[in-house]
Amino acid sequence: MPVKDPVKPRDGGKLYARLLAIDSEEGNSRDGVHAVMAEVKSHLNQSGHASFHKTKENEMRQVALTTSKCIVFLIKGTFKAGEVTIDANGLGHPVEDEGFIKLEEKTHVVIITTN
């Protein structure tokens, strides 16, 4: 099974509010993206390399996974890992032994390596 049980953030409500504030204040700026990744890593108690990916309306995209294990934090939207569709927003989803994930339209994720 490529996707394990989800990981709940330390304070999901506070994290979601902070992510919305960053998005409205700093948008897609470099500082804004780094702030989003730092908040997610902190709330999941993870220290690995993080990357932020998003798709717009009418856009779907594959994102390569560079390690055999990672956590995909779904801010909003839907993604697929193998044959599994994930739409539980606000949770970290451990993904193992997949070469890529597929982001559906209007999806925002932070991918944290855990190897």
N, C-alpha and C. Protein backbone atom coordinates (compact mmCIF):
# COMPACT_ATOMS: atom_id res chain seq x y z
N MET A 1 0.84 -1.19 0.00
CA MET A 1 0.00 0.00 0.00
C MET A 1 0.88 1.24 0.00
N PRO A 2 0.77 2.10 -0.99
CA PRO A 2 1.67 3.24 -1.10
C PRO A 2 1.38 4.36 -0.11
N VAL A 3 0.15 4.45 0.41
CA VAL A 3 -0.21 5.54 1.32
C VAL A 3 -0.57 4.93 2.67
N LYS A 4 0.06 5.44 3.72
CA LYS A 4 -0.18 4.96 5.08
C LYS A 4 -1.22 5.84 5.77
N ASP A 5 -1.53 5.52 7.02
CA ASP A 5 -2.49 6.32 7.79
C ASP A 5 -2.00 7.75 7.90
N PRO A 6 -2.93 8.72 7.82
CA PRO A 6 -2.52 10.13 7.85
C PRO A 6 -1.95 10.56 9.20
N VAL A 7 -1.13 11.60 9.13
CA VAL A 7 -0.51 12.20 10.31
C VAL A 7 -1.22 13.52 10.57
N LYS A 8 -1.73 13.67 11.80
CA LYS A 8 -2.42 14.91 12.15
C LYS A 8 -1.40 15.95 12.60
N PRO A 9 -1.59 17.21 12.19
CA PRO A 9 -0.69 18.27 12.66
C PRO A 9 -0.93 18.54 14.14
N ARG A 10 0.05 19.15 14.77
CA ARG A 10 -0.01 19.46 16.20
C ARG A 10 -1.26 20.27 16.54
N ASP A 11 -1.56 21.29 15.78
CA ASP A 11 -2.75 22.13 16.00
C ASP A 11 -3.32 22.49 14.64
N GLY A 12 -4.19 21.62 14.13
CA GLY A 12 -4.70 21.76 12.77
C GLY A 12 -5.40 23.08 12.50
N GLY A 13 -6.20 23.56 13.45
CA GLY A 13 -6.91 24.83 13.26
C GLY A 13 -5.96 26.00 13.17
N LYS A 14 -4.98 26.02 14.05
CA LYS A 14 -3.99 27.10 14.04
C LYS A 14 -3.15 27.05 12.76
N LEU A 15 -2.75 25.85 12.36
CA LEU A 15 -1.96 25.71 11.14
C LEU A 15 -2.74 26.19 9.93
N TYR A 16 -4.00 25.78 9.80
CA TYR A 16 -4.81 26.18 8.65
C TYR A 16 -4.98 27.70 8.61
N ALA A 17 -5.24 28.31 9.77
CA ALA A 17 -5.38 29.77 9.82
C ALA A 17 -4.09 30.45 9.41
N ARG A 18 -2.97 29.92 9.85
CA ARG A 18 -1.66 30.50 9.50
C ARG A 18 -1.39 30.35 8.00
N LEU A 19 -1.72 29.21 7.43
CA LEU A 19 -1.52 29.00 6.00
C LEU A 19 -2.38 29.96 5.18
N LEU A 20 -3.62 30.19 5.60
CA LEU A 20 -4.48 31.14 4.91
C LEU A 20 -3.92 32.56 5.01
N ALA A 21 -3.40 32.92 6.19
CA ALA A 21 -2.83 34.25 6.38
C ALA A 21 -1.60 34.45 5.50
N ILE A 22 -0.75 33.45 5.43
CA ILE A 22 0.44 33.55 4.57
C ILE A 22 0.02 33.71 3.13
N ASP A 23 -0.97 32.93 2.69
CA ASP A 23 -1.43 32.99 1.31
C ASP A 23 -1.98 34.37 0.97
N SER A 24 -2.74 34.96 1.88
CA SER A 24 -3.33 36.27 1.58
C SER A 24 -2.32 37.40 1.71
N GLU A 25 -1.36 37.27 2.64
CA GLU A 25 -0.38 38.34 2.86
C GLU A 25 0.78 38.28 1.87
N GLU A 26 1.32 37.10 1.68
CA GLU A 26 2.55 36.96 0.90
C GLU A 26 2.37 36.22 -0.41
N GLY A 27 1.22 35.60 -0.57
CA GLY A 27 0.91 34.93 -1.83
C GLY A 27 1.96 33.95 -2.28
N ASN A 28 2.34 34.05 -3.54
CA ASN A 28 3.30 33.12 -4.12
C ASN A 28 4.74 33.62 -4.04
N SER A 29 4.98 34.60 -3.20
CA SER A 29 6.35 35.10 -3.08
C SER A 29 7.25 34.00 -2.52
N ARG A 30 8.53 34.17 -2.72
CA ARG A 30 9.49 33.19 -2.20
C ARG A 30 9.38 33.08 -0.68
N ASP A 31 9.26 34.22 -0.01
CA ASP A 31 9.12 34.20 1.45
C ASP A 31 7.83 33.50 1.88
N GLY A 32 6.76 33.73 1.12
CA GLY A 32 5.49 33.09 1.44
C GLY A 32 5.56 31.58 1.32
N VAL A 33 6.16 31.10 0.26
CA VAL A 33 6.30 29.65 0.05
C VAL A 33 7.17 29.04 1.14
N HIS A 34 8.27 29.70 1.49
CA HIS A 34 9.14 29.19 2.56
C HIS A 34 8.42 29.18 3.89
N ALA A 35 7.59 30.19 4.15
CA ALA A 35 6.82 30.24 5.39
C ALA A 35 5.82 29.10 5.46
N VAL A 36 5.16 28.80 4.36
CA VAL A 36 4.20 27.68 4.31
C VAL A 36 4.93 26.37 4.63
N MET A 37 6.06 26.13 3.98
CA MET A 37 6.79 24.89 4.21
C MET A 37 7.26 24.79 5.66
N ALA A 38 7.75 25.88 6.22
CA ALA A 38 8.23 25.88 7.61
C ALA A 38 7.09 25.59 8.59
N GLU A 39 5.94 26.20 8.38
CA GLU A 39 4.79 25.97 9.26
C GLU A 39 4.36 24.51 9.23
N VAL A 40 4.26 23.94 8.05
CA VAL A 40 3.82 22.55 7.92
C VAL A 40 4.83 21.62 8.59
N LYS A 41 6.12 21.81 8.32
CA LYS A 41 7.15 20.96 8.93
C LYS A 41 7.09 21.05 10.45
N SER A 42 6.92 22.25 10.97
CA SER A 42 6.86 22.45 12.42
C SER A 42 5.67 21.72 13.03
N HIS A 43 4.50 21.86 12.44
CA HIS A 43 3.29 21.24 12.99
C HIS A 43 3.27 19.73 12.84
N LEU A 44 4.04 19.19 11.90
CA LEU A 44 4.14 17.73 11.75
C LEU A 44 5.38 17.17 12.44
N ASN A 45 6.17 18.05 13.06
CA ASN A 45 7.40 17.66 13.75
C ASN A 45 8.34 16.91 12.81
N GLN A 46 8.54 17.47 11.61
CA GLN A 46 9.42 16.89 10.60
C GLN A 46 10.55 17.86 10.29
N SER A 47 11.69 17.31 9.89
CA SER A 47 12.84 18.17 9.60
C SER A 47 13.44 17.93 8.21
N GLY A 48 12.83 17.09 7.41
CA GLY A 48 13.37 16.79 6.09
C GLY A 48 13.22 17.94 5.12
N HIS A 49 13.79 17.76 3.93
CA HIS A 49 13.66 18.75 2.85
C HIS A 49 12.19 18.85 2.46
N ALA A 50 11.71 20.08 2.25
CA ALA A 50 10.31 20.28 1.87
C ALA A 50 10.24 21.02 0.54
N SER A 51 9.16 20.75 -0.20
CA SER A 51 8.88 21.47 -1.44
C SER A 51 7.38 21.74 -1.51
N PHE A 52 7.03 22.85 -2.14
CA PHE A 52 5.63 23.27 -2.27
C PHE A 52 5.23 23.15 -3.73
N HIS A 53 4.06 22.58 -3.96
CA HIS A 53 3.55 22.41 -5.33
C HIS A 53 2.07 22.75 -5.35
N LYS A 54 1.64 23.37 -6.45
CA LYS A 54 0.22 23.64 -6.58
C LYS A 54 -0.20 23.62 -8.04
N THR A 55 -1.48 23.38 -8.24
CA THR A 55 -2.06 23.44 -9.57
C THR A 55 -3.20 24.44 -9.56
N LYS A 56 -3.49 24.96 -10.74
CA LYS A 56 -4.57 25.93 -10.91
C LYS A 56 -5.81 25.21 -11.44
N GLU A 57 -6.85 25.98 -11.65
CA GLU A 57 -8.06 25.44 -12.26
C GLU A 57 -7.73 24.91 -13.66
N ASN A 58 -8.29 23.78 -14.00
CA ASN A 58 -8.08 23.11 -15.29
C ASN A 58 -6.63 22.68 -15.52
N GLU A 59 -5.88 22.47 -14.45
CA GLU A 59 -4.49 22.02 -14.56
C GLU A 59 -4.31 20.79 -13.67
N MET A 60 -3.70 19.74 -14.21
CA MET A 60 -3.31 18.58 -13.43
C MET A 60 -1.84 18.32 -13.75
N ARG A 61 -1.11 17.81 -12.76
CA ARG A 61 0.33 17.66 -12.98
C ARG A 61 0.88 16.52 -12.14
N GLN A 62 1.87 15.83 -12.69
CA GLN A 62 2.61 14.83 -11.93
C GLN A 62 3.80 15.51 -11.26
N VAL A 63 4.05 15.12 -10.02
CA VAL A 63 5.20 15.62 -9.28
C VAL A 63 6.07 14.42 -8.90
N ALA A 64 7.32 14.44 -9.33
CA ALA A 64 8.24 13.35 -9.02
C ALA A 64 8.58 13.35 -7.54
N LEU A 65 8.65 12.16 -6.96
CA LEU A 65 9.08 11.99 -5.58
C LEU A 65 10.53 11.52 -5.61
N THR A 66 11.39 12.24 -4.92
CA THR A 66 12.83 11.98 -5.03
C THR A 66 13.36 10.94 -4.04
N THR A 67 12.52 10.53 -3.10
CA THR A 67 12.92 9.50 -2.13
C THR A 67 11.82 8.45 -2.05
N SER A 68 12.13 7.31 -1.45
CA SER A 68 11.13 6.24 -1.37
C SER A 68 10.08 6.49 -0.30
N LYS A 69 10.36 7.41 0.63
CA LYS A 69 9.40 7.74 1.68
C LYS A 69 9.28 9.26 1.81
N CYS A 70 8.04 9.72 1.92
CA CYS A 70 7.81 11.14 2.15
C CYS A 70 6.45 11.33 2.80
N ILE A 71 6.21 12.52 3.27
CA ILE A 71 4.90 12.90 3.76
C ILE A 71 4.38 13.99 2.84
N VAL A 72 3.18 13.78 2.31
CA VAL A 72 2.53 14.77 1.47
C VAL A 72 1.45 15.43 2.32
N PHE A 73 1.67 16.69 2.69
CA PHE A 73 0.67 17.44 3.45
C PHE A 73 -0.26 18.10 2.45
N LEU A 74 -1.52 17.73 2.51
CA LEU A 74 -2.52 18.25 1.58
C LEU A 74 -3.17 19.49 2.19
N ILE A 75 -2.80 20.65 1.66
CA ILE A 75 -3.39 21.90 2.12
C ILE A 75 -4.82 21.98 1.62
N LYS A 76 -4.99 21.78 0.32
CA LYS A 76 -6.34 21.72 -0.25
C LYS A 76 -6.29 21.00 -1.58
N GLY A 77 -7.43 20.42 -1.97
CA GLY A 77 -7.51 19.74 -3.25
C GLY A 77 -7.48 18.23 -3.12
N THR A 78 -6.94 17.58 -4.15
CA THR A 78 -6.90 16.12 -4.24
C THR A 78 -5.63 15.69 -4.97
N PHE A 79 -5.03 14.59 -4.50
CA PHE A 79 -3.91 14.01 -5.23
C PHE A 79 -4.05 12.50 -5.27
N LYS A 80 -3.34 11.88 -6.20
CA LYS A 80 -3.32 10.43 -6.32
C LYS A 80 -1.90 9.93 -6.11
N ALA A 81 -1.79 8.85 -5.36
CA ALA A 81 -0.52 8.14 -5.19
C ALA A 81 -0.81 6.70 -5.60
N GLY A 82 -0.27 6.30 -6.73
CA GLY A 82 -0.63 4.99 -7.27
C GLY A 82 -2.10 5.01 -7.65
N GLU A 83 -2.84 4.04 -7.16
CA GLU A 83 -4.29 3.96 -7.44
C GLU A 83 -5.13 4.59 -6.33
N VAL A 84 -4.48 5.16 -5.32
CA VAL A 84 -5.19 5.72 -4.16
C VAL A 84 -5.43 7.21 -4.36
N THR A 85 -6.68 7.64 -4.20
CA THR A 85 -7.03 9.06 -4.28
C THR A 85 -7.13 9.61 -2.87
N ILE A 86 -6.45 10.72 -2.62
CA ILE A 86 -6.42 11.34 -1.30
C ILE A 86 -7.08 12.71 -1.39
N ASP A 87 -8.08 12.95 -0.54
CA ASP A 87 -8.72 14.26 -0.51
C ASP A 87 -8.94 14.77 0.91
N ALA A 88 -8.27 14.17 1.88
CA ALA A 88 -8.38 14.59 3.28
C ALA A 88 -7.44 15.77 3.52
N ASN A 89 -7.97 16.97 3.39
CA ASN A 89 -7.18 18.19 3.56
C ASN A 89 -6.74 18.38 5.00
N GLY A 90 -5.61 19.05 5.18
CA GLY A 90 -5.13 19.39 6.51
C GLY A 90 -4.42 18.27 7.23
N LEU A 91 -4.04 17.23 6.50
CA LEU A 91 -3.34 16.09 7.09
C LEU A 91 -2.08 15.78 6.29
N GLY A 92 -1.11 15.17 6.97
CA GLY A 92 0.08 14.67 6.30
C GLY A 92 -0.15 13.22 5.91
N HIS A 93 0.10 12.89 4.67
CA HIS A 93 -0.15 11.54 4.17
C HIS A 93 1.18 10.88 3.82
N PRO A 94 1.65 9.91 4.65
CA PRO A 94 2.89 9.21 4.34
C PRO A 94 2.75 8.39 3.05
N VAL A 95 3.67 8.59 2.12
CA VAL A 95 3.66 7.89 0.85
C VAL A 95 4.98 7.13 0.73
N GLU A 96 4.89 5.85 0.37
CA GLU A 96 6.08 5.02 0.24
C GLU A 96 6.11 4.33 -1.12
N ASP A 97 7.31 4.20 -1.65
CA ASP A 97 7.56 3.41 -2.86
C ASP A 97 6.74 3.84 -4.07
N GLU A 98 6.56 5.13 -4.24
CA GLU A 98 5.91 5.68 -5.42
C GLU A 98 6.90 6.62 -6.10
N GLY A 99 6.93 6.62 -7.41
CA GLY A 99 7.85 7.49 -8.15
C GLY A 99 7.32 8.90 -8.33
N PHE A 100 6.00 9.05 -8.21
CA PHE A 100 5.38 10.37 -8.38
C PHE A 100 3.99 10.37 -7.76
N ILE A 101 3.45 11.57 -7.57
CA ILE A 101 2.05 11.73 -7.23
C ILE A 101 1.42 12.58 -8.33
N LYS A 102 0.12 12.49 -8.47
CA LYS A 102 -0.58 13.27 -9.47
C LYS A 102 -1.49 14.27 -8.75
N LEU A 103 -1.24 15.55 -8.98
CA LEU A 103 -2.06 16.60 -8.40
C LEU A 103 -3.25 16.86 -9.31
N GLU A 104 -4.44 16.84 -8.74
CA GLU A 104 -5.63 17.22 -9.49
C GLU A 104 -5.70 18.74 -9.52
N GLU A 105 -6.69 19.30 -10.20
CA GLU A 105 -6.76 20.76 -10.33
C GLU A 105 -7.03 21.42 -8.98
N LYS A 106 -6.52 22.64 -8.83
CA LYS A 106 -6.69 23.47 -7.63
C LYS A 106 -6.24 22.74 -6.37
N THR A 107 -5.05 22.18 -6.43
CA THR A 107 -4.47 21.43 -5.31
C THR A 107 -3.18 22.10 -4.85
N HIS A 108 -3.00 22.17 -3.53
CA HIS A 108 -1.78 22.71 -2.93
C HIS A 108 -1.25 21.66 -1.96
N VAL A 109 0.03 21.30 -2.09
CA VAL A 109 0.66 20.32 -1.20
C VAL A 109 2.06 20.78 -0.80
N VAL A 110 2.49 20.28 0.36
CA VAL A 110 3.88 20.38 0.78
C VAL A 110 4.38 18.95 0.89
N ILE A 111 5.48 18.65 0.20
CA ILE A 111 6.07 17.31 0.24
C ILE A 111 7.34 17.39 1.08
N ILE A 112 7.40 16.53 2.11
CA ILE A 112 8.54 16.50 3.03
C ILE A 112 9.21 15.14 2.93
N THR A 113 10.51 15.12 2.62
CA THR A 113 11.23 13.84 2.56
C THR A 113 11.42 13.32 3.98
N THR A 114 11.30 12.00 4.14
CA THR A 114 11.42 11.41 5.47
C THR A 114 12.46 10.31 5.52
N ASN A 115 13.28 10.15 4.49
CA ASN A 115 14.35 9.13 4.51
C ASN A 115 15.52 9.62 5.32
